Amino acid sequence: MSNQKSSLTVKDLVTIGIFSALFLILSLIGGAVLGSNPVTTFWMPLGGALLPGPAFLLLIAKVPKHGPIIILGIICAIIYFATGMHWTMPVAYLVCGVLADLVSSAGKFKNVWLNIVAYMIFALSLVPTYFMFFFARESYMSYMLQKGTDQEYLDAMVKAGQDWVLPVMIIGTLAVAFLSGLFGKKLLKKQFEKAGITA
């Protein structure tokens, strides 16, 4: 009986698919404008974390089991790899998906604060690609050129990528993700109460 409850059903998979699509749309709306500009691309993780918080929390409320967050990470990894992002981004989505699932499961997927922390971890998936820019720049530039990124775009990134940018990016992404999760907590209060999710 418990195995049945913990395993994903066809209905669960459909729900995961719907909310994964919603998550990606909201993330792209928030991050695409910033990511398309070489000067503002460093703030793309903040933009990507801004809107999807409510969708992430609602996914957990709808399917409070191991798996949905990991599947969301896999879907995001596939999409970003297919669209030519640096390989560290898909890998980060896989790793952060597992970590976020573990954090959420610590509260049996019913603790909204742990779910918000899980979202903050998941939102960091957009950051590691910039680690490569700052710490392995030649490798990053070579890889992105092979993927079709213009040299002019990368040159502008080099000019804009000051040393202070990376720590601010990380802290900013966590802060924006927390606020997005907090907004989701308030927006979806009735749905959370119905699902038995506690504050």
C-alpha atoms as a PDB file:
ATOM      1  CA  MET A   1       0.000   0.000   0.000  1.00  0.00           C
ATOM      2  CA  SER A   2       2.749   2.448   0.977  1.00  0.00           C
ATOM      3  CA  ASN A   3       4.686   1.522  -2.168  1.00  0.00           C
ATOM      4  CA  GLN A   4       1.617   2.316  -4.236  1.00  0.00           C
ATOM      5  CA  LYS A   5       1.268   5.685  -2.561  1.00  0.00           C
ATOM      6  CA  SER A   6       4.950   6.543  -3.007  1.00  0.00           C
ATOM      7  CA  SER A   7       5.196   5.468  -6.645  1.00  0.00           C
ATOM      8  CA  LEU A   8       4.298   7.861  -9.437  1.00  0.00           C
ATOM      9  CA  THR A   9       1.036   7.236 -11.276  1.00  0.00           C
ATOM     10  CA  VAL A  10       0.118   8.186 -14.829  1.00  0.00           C
ATOM     11  CA  LYS A  11      -1.889  11.077 -13.397  1.00  0.00           C
ATOM     12  CA  ASP A  12       1.187  12.199 -11.453  1.00  0.00           C
ATOM     13  CA  LEU A  13       3.318  12.119 -14.597  1.00  0.00           C
ATOM     14  CA  VAL A  14       0.759  14.207 -16.490  1.00  0.00           C
ATOM     15  CA  THR A  15       0.723  16.720 -13.623  1.00  0.00           C
ATOM     16  CA  ILE A  16       4.520  16.811 -13.587  1.00  0.00           C
ATOM     17  CA  GLY A  17       4.559  17.418 -17.342  1.00  0.00           C
ATOM     18  CA  ILE A  18       2.093  20.292 -17.087  1.00  0.00           C
ATOM     19  CA  PHE A  19       3.888  22.008 -14.224  1.00  0.00           C
ATOM     20  CA  SER A  20       7.301  21.425 -15.781  1.00  0.00           C
ATOM     21  CA  ALA A  21       6.101  23.224 -18.916  1.00  0.00           C
ATOM     22  CA  LEU A  22       4.690  26.045 -16.774  1.00  0.00           C
ATOM     23  CA  PHE A  23       7.932  26.249 -14.792  1.00  0.00           C
ATOM     24  CA  LEU A  24      10.017  26.490 -17.962  1.00  0.00           C
ATOM     25  CA  ILE A  25       7.777  29.149 -19.496  1.00  0.00           C
ATOM     26  CA  LEU A  26       7.924  31.295 -16.352  1.00  0.00           C
ATOM     27  CA  SER A  27      11.672  30.804 -16.033  1.00  0.00           C
ATOM     28  CA  LEU A  28      12.246  31.766 -19.666  1.00  0.00           C
ATOM     29  CA  ILE A  29      10.005  34.825 -19.370  1.00  0.00           C
ATOM     30  CA  GLY A  30      12.041  36.016 -16.414  1.00  0.00           C
ATOM     31  CA  GLY A  31      15.472  35.091 -17.726  1.00  0.00           C
ATOM     32  CA  ALA A  32      15.408  35.244 -21.523  1.00  0.00           C
ATOM     33  CA  VAL A  33      15.555  39.031 -21.855  1.00  0.00           C
ATOM     34  CA  LEU A  34      18.520  39.261 -19.490  1.00  0.00           C
ATOM     35  CA  GLY A  35      20.252  36.208 -20.947  1.00  0.00           C
ATOM     36  CA  SER A  36      20.094  37.484 -24.505  1.00  0.00           C
ATOM     37  CA  ASN A  37      22.247  40.517 -23.672  1.00  0.00           C
ATOM     38  CA  PRO A  38      25.964  39.956 -22.929  1.00  0.00           C
ATOM     39  CA  VAL A  39      26.000  42.706 -20.306  1.00  0.00           C
ATOM     40  CA  THR A  40      22.904  41.561 -18.400  1.00  0.00           C
ATOM     41  CA  THR A  41      23.396  37.812 -18.949  1.00  0.00           C
ATOM     42  CA  PHE A  42      24.994  37.531 -15.506  1.00  0.00           C
ATOM     43  CA  TRP A  43      21.647  38.458 -13.975  1.00  0.00           C
ATOM     44  CA  MET A  44      19.768  35.800 -15.924  1.00  0.00           C
ATOM     45  CA  PRO A  45      19.696  33.431 -12.900  1.00  0.00           C
ATOM     46  CA  LEU A  46      17.903  36.124 -10.894  1.00  0.00           C
ATOM     47  CA  GLY A  47      15.369  36.657 -13.673  1.00  0.00           C
ATOM     48  CA  GLY A  48      14.940  32.914 -14.083  1.00  0.00           C
ATOM     49  CA  ALA A  49      14.237  32.532 -10.348  1.00  0.00           C
ATOM     50  CA  LEU A  50      11.733  35.382 -10.147  1.00  0.00           C
ATOM     51  CA  LEU A  51       8.501  33.872 -11.473  1.00  0.00           C
ATOM     52  CA  PRO A  52       8.522  30.047 -11.169  1.00  0.00           C
ATOM     53  CA  GLY A  53       8.410  29.802  -7.356  1.00  0.00           C
ATOM     54  CA  PRO A  54       4.614  29.365  -7.125  1.00  0.00           C
ATOM     55  CA  ALA A  55       4.642  26.721  -9.890  1.00  0.00           C
ATOM     56  CA  PHE A  56       7.440  24.809  -8.137  1.00  0.00           C
ATOM     57  CA  LEU A  57       5.611  24.832  -4.802  1.00  0.00           C
ATOM     58  CA  LEU A  58       2.312  23.870  -6.394  1.00  0.00           C
ATOM     59  CA  LEU A  59       3.979  20.942  -8.176  1.00  0.00           C
ATOM     60  CA  ILE A  60       5.130  19.605  -4.800  1.00  0.00           C
ATOM     61  CA  ALA A  61       1.652  20.167  -3.344  1.00  0.00           C
ATOM     62  CA  LYS A  62       0.014  18.301  -6.228  1.00  0.00           C
ATOM     63  CA  VAL A  63       2.517  15.414  -6.222  1.00  0.00           C
ATOM     64  CA  PRO A  64       4.061  15.203  -2.717  1.00  0.00           C
ATOM     65  CA  LYS A  65       6.405  12.324  -3.503  1.00  0.00           C
ATOM     66  CA  HIS A  66       9.997  11.583  -4.450  1.00  0.00           C
ATOM     67  CA  GLY A  67      10.448  12.147  -8.167  1.00  0.00           C
ATOM     68  CA  PRO A  68       8.642  15.259  -9.446  1.00  0.00           C
ATOM     69  CA  ILE A  69      11.483  17.664  -8.647  1.00  0.00           C
ATOM     70  CA  ILE A  70      14.046  15.262 -10.099  1.00  0.00           C
ATOM     71  CA  ILE A  71      11.971  14.846 -13.265  1.00  0.00           C
ATOM     72  CA  LEU A  72      11.635  18.636 -13.512  1.00  0.00           C
ATOM     73  CA  GLY A  73      15.429  18.854 -13.285  1.00  0.00           C
ATOM     74  CA  ILE A  74      15.829  16.248 -16.032  1.00  0.00           C
ATOM     75  CA  ILE A  75      13.393  18.082 -18.317  1.00  0.00           C
ATOM     76  CA  CYS A  76      15.155  21.416 -17.733  1.00  0.00           C
ATOM     77  CA  ALA A  77      18.533  19.758 -18.348  1.00  0.00           C
ATOM     78  CA  ILE A  78      17.372  18.327 -21.676  1.00  0.00           C
ATOM     79  CA  ILE A  79      15.852  21.630 -22.815  1.00  0.00           C
ATOM     80  CA  TYR A  80      18.892  23.727 -21.924  1.00  0.00           C
ATOM     81  CA  PHE A  81      21.336  21.230 -23.422  1.00  0.00           C
ATOM     82  CA  ALA A  82      19.293  21.126 -26.642  1.00  0.00           C
ATOM     83  CA  THR A  83      19.275  24.931 -26.851  1.00  0.00           C
ATOM     84  CA  GLY A  84      23.069  25.164 -26.722  1.00  0.00           C
ATOM     85  CA  MET A  85      23.725  26.158 -23.127  1.00  0.00           C
ATOM     86  CA  HIS A  86      27.075  25.317 -21.550  1.00  0.00           C
ATOM     87  CA  TRP A  87      27.145  21.688 -20.389  1.00  0.00           C
ATOM     88  CA  THR A  88      27.450  22.739 -16.739  1.00  0.00           C
ATOM     89  CA  MET A  89      23.883  24.065 -16.758  1.00  0.00           C
ATOM     90  CA  PRO A  90      22.194  20.733 -17.596  1.00  0.00           C
ATOM     91  CA  VAL A  91      24.468  18.957 -15.105  1.00  0.00           C
ATOM     92  CA  ALA A  92      23.564  21.523 -12.440  1.00  0.00           C
ATOM     93  CA  TYR A  93      19.851  20.934 -13.055  1.00  0.00           C
ATOM     94  CA  LEU A  94      20.349  17.201 -12.502  1.00  0.00           C
ATOM     95  CA  VAL A  95      22.357  17.698  -9.299  1.00  0.00           C
ATOM     96  CA  CYS A  96      20.179  20.481  -7.883  1.00  0.00           C
ATOM     97  CA  GLY A  97      17.051  18.495  -8.742  1.00  0.00           C
ATOM     98  CA  VAL A  98      18.243  15.616  -6.565  1.00  0.00           C
ATOM     99  CA  LEU A  99      19.341  17.940  -3.740  1.00  0.00           C
ATOM    100  CA  ALA A 100      16.048  19.859  -3.824  1.00  0.00           C
ATOM    101  CA  ASP A 101      14.114  16.589  -3.731  1.00  0.00           C
ATOM    102  CA  LEU A 102      16.066  15.487  -0.645  1.00  0.00           C
ATOM    103  CA  VAL A 103      15.449  18.792   1.143  1.00  0.00           C
ATOM    104  CA  SER A 104      11.726  18.732   0.391  1.00  0.00           C
ATOM    105  CA  SER A 105      11.491  15.088   1.446  1.00  0.00           C
ATOM    106  CA  ALA A 106      12.997  15.978   4.849  1.00  0.00           C
ATOM    107  CA  GLY A 107       9.618  17.558   5.591  1.00  0.00           C
ATOM    108  CA  LYS A 108       7.767  14.754   3.795  1.00  0.00           C
ATOM    109  CA  PHE A 109       6.983  17.336   1.078  1.00  0.00           C
ATOM    110  CA  LYS A 110       4.519  18.959   3.498  1.00  0.00           C
ATOM    111  CA  ASN A 111       6.684  21.684   5.052  1.00  0.00           C
ATOM    112  CA  VAL A 112       6.355  24.860   3.020  1.00  0.00           C
ATOM    113  CA  TRP A 113       9.587  26.373   4.369  1.00  0.00           C
ATOM    114  CA  LEU A 114      11.626  23.341   3.389  1.00  0.00           C
ATOM    115  CA  ASN A 115       9.897  23.418   0.004  1.00  0.00           C
ATOM    116  CA  ILE A 116      10.963  27.050  -0.398  1.00  0.00           C
ATOM    117  CA  VAL A 117      14.552  26.106   0.501  1.00  0.00           C
ATOM    118  CA  ALA A 118      14.287  23.319  -2.081  1.00  0.00           C
ATOM    119  CA  TYR A 119      13.243  25.912  -4.664  1.00  0.00           C
ATOM    120  CA  MET A 120      16.182  28.138  -3.724  1.00  0.00           C
ATOM    121  CA  ILE A 121      18.541  25.210  -4.320  1.00  0.00           C
ATOM    122  CA  PHE A 122      16.846  24.368  -7.615  1.00  0.00           C
ATOM    123  CA  ALA A 123      17.081  28.008  -8.749  1.00  0.00           C
ATOM    124  CA  LEU A 124      20.871  27.836  -8.354  1.00  0.00           C
ATOM    125  CA  SER A 125      20.945  25.478 -11.353  1.00  0.00           C
ATOM    126  CA  LEU A 126      21.349  28.527 -13.591  1.00  0.00           C
ATOM    127  CA  VAL A 127      24.502  29.711 -11.797  1.00  0.00           C
ATOM    128  CA  PRO A 128      27.269  27.075 -12.334  1.00  0.00           C
ATOM    129  CA  THR A 129      27.623  27.840 -16.033  1.00  0.00           C
ATOM    130  CA  TYR A 130      29.012  31.211 -14.921  1.00  0.00           C
ATOM    131  CA  PHE A 131      31.513  29.454 -12.632  1.00  0.00           C
ATOM    132  CA  MET A 132      33.130  28.215 -15.812  1.00  0.00           C
ATOM    133  CA  PHE A 133      33.213  31.744 -17.210  1.00  0.00           C
ATOM    134  CA  PHE A 134      34.990  33.074 -14.128  1.00  0.00           C
ATOM    135  CA  PHE A 135      37.262  30.126 -13.282  1.00  0.00           C
ATOM    136  CA  ALA A 136      37.880  28.366 -16.618  1.00  0.00           C
ATOM    137  CA  ARG A 137      37.337  31.161 -19.088  1.00  0.00           C
ATOM    138  CA  GLU A 138      39.271  29.775 -22.048  1.00  0.00           C
ATOM    139  CA  SER A 139      37.423  26.476 -21.844  1.00  0.00           C
ATOM    140  CA  TYR A 140      34.097  28.307 -21.505  1.00  0.00           C
ATOM    141  CA  MET A 141      34.777  30.589 -24.460  1.00  0.00           C
ATOM    142  CA  SER A 142      35.926  27.724 -26.670  1.00  0.00           C
ATOM    143  CA  TYR A 143      32.875  25.619 -25.828  1.00  0.00           C
ATOM    144  CA  MET A 144      30.396  28.453 -26.400  1.00  0.00           C
ATOM    145  CA  LEU A 145      32.012  29.377 -29.723  1.00  0.00           C
ATOM    146  CA  GLN A 146      31.614  25.771 -30.839  1.00  0.00           C
ATOM    147  CA  LYS A 147      27.955  25.980 -29.815  1.00  0.00           C
ATOM    148  CA  GLY A 148      27.457  29.006 -32.068  1.00  0.00           C
ATOM    149  CA  THR A 149      27.788  31.956 -29.683  1.00  0.00           C
ATOM    150  CA  ASP A 150      29.150  35.069 -31.416  1.00  0.00           C
ATOM    151  CA  GLN A 151      32.659  36.250 -30.514  1.00  0.00           C
ATOM    152  CA  GLU A 152      31.299  39.786 -30.030  1.00  0.00           C
ATOM    153  CA  TYR A 153      28.828  38.492 -27.426  1.00  0.00           C
ATOM    154  CA  LEU A 154      31.614  36.738 -25.505  1.00  0.00           C
ATOM    155  CA  ASP A 155      33.906  39.782 -25.703  1.00  0.00           C
ATOM    156  CA  ALA A 156      31.145  41.930 -24.204  1.00  0.00           C
ATOM    157  CA  MET A 157      30.699  39.345 -21.435  1.00  0.00           C
ATOM    158  CA  VAL A 158      34.394  39.593 -20.587  1.00  0.00           C
ATOM    159  CA  LYS A 159      34.129  43.372 -20.233  1.00  0.00           C
ATOM    160  CA  ALA A 160      31.005  43.160 -18.060  1.00  0.00           C
ATOM    161  CA  GLY A 161      32.103  40.195 -15.932  1.00  0.00           C
ATOM    162  CA  GLN A 162      33.839  41.942 -13.037  1.00  0.00           C
ATOM    163  CA  ASP A 163      35.026  39.970  -9.985  1.00  0.00           C
ATOM    164  CA  TRP A 164      32.150  41.147  -7.791  1.00  0.00           C
ATOM    165  CA  VAL A 165      29.512  39.855 -10.213  1.00  0.00           C
ATOM    166  CA  LEU A 166      29.643  36.161  -9.246  1.00  0.00           C
ATOM    167  CA  PRO A 167      29.034  36.496  -5.475  1.00  0.00           C
ATOM    168  CA  VAL A 168      26.285  39.041  -6.083  1.00  0.00           C
ATOM    169  CA  MET A 169      24.746  36.681  -8.655  1.00  0.00           C
ATOM    170  CA  ILE A 170      24.667  33.798  -6.163  1.00  0.00           C
ATOM    171  CA  ILE A 171      23.291  35.842  -3.266  1.00  0.00           C
ATOM    172  CA  GLY A 172      20.831  37.607  -5.557  1.00  0.00           C
ATOM    173  CA  THR A 173      19.536  34.346  -7.025  1.00  0.00           C
ATOM    174  CA  LEU A 174      18.946  32.895  -3.548  1.00  0.00           C
ATOM    175  CA  ALA A 175      17.205  36.086  -2.408  1.00  0.00           C
ATOM    176  CA  VAL A 176      14.961  36.309  -5.476  1.00  0.00           C
ATOM    177  CA  ALA A 177      14.102  32.606  -5.241  1.00  0.00           C
ATOM    178  CA  PHE A 178      13.185  33.049  -1.571  1.00  0.00           C
ATOM    179  CA  LEU A 179      10.910  35.990  -2.406  1.00  0.00           C
ATOM    180  CA  SER A 180       9.325  34.043  -5.273  1.00  0.00           C
ATOM    181  CA  GLY A 181       8.701  31.129  -2.914  1.00  0.00           C
ATOM    182  CA  LEU A 182       7.314  33.468  -0.268  1.00  0.00           C
ATOM    183  CA  PHE A 183       4.944  34.961  -2.838  1.00  0.00           C
ATOM    184  CA  GLY A 184       3.892  31.450  -3.824  1.00  0.00           C
ATOM    185  CA  LYS A 185       3.272  30.583  -0.170  1.00  0.00           C
ATOM    186  CA  LYS A 186       0.868  33.494   0.202  1.00  0.00           C
ATOM    187  CA  LEU A 187      -0.713  33.134  -3.234  1.00  0.00           C
ATOM    188  CA  LEU A 188      -1.414  29.427  -2.821  1.00  0.00           C
ATOM    189  CA  LYS A 189      -2.311  29.391   0.883  1.00  0.00           C
ATOM    190  CA  LYS A 190      -5.694  27.705   0.347  1.00  0.00           C
ATOM    191  CA  GLN A 191      -4.255  25.044  -1.958  1.00  0.00           C
ATOM    192  CA  PHE A 192      -1.513  24.292   0.570  1.00  0.00           C
ATOM    193  CA  GLU A 193      -4.013  23.966   3.414  1.00  0.00           C
ATOM    194  CA  LYS A 194      -6.072  21.571   1.311  1.00  0.00           C
ATOM    195  CA  ALA A 195      -2.943  19.517   0.567  1.00  0.00           C
ATOM    196  CA  GLY A 196      -2.000  19.436   4.248  1.00  0.00           C
ATOM    197  CA  ILE A 197       1.146  21.514   3.799  1.00  0.00           C
ATOM    198  CA  THR A 198       2.238  23.246   6.993  1.00  0.00           C
ATOM    199  CA  ALA A 199       4.125  26.459   7.573  1.00  0.00           C
END
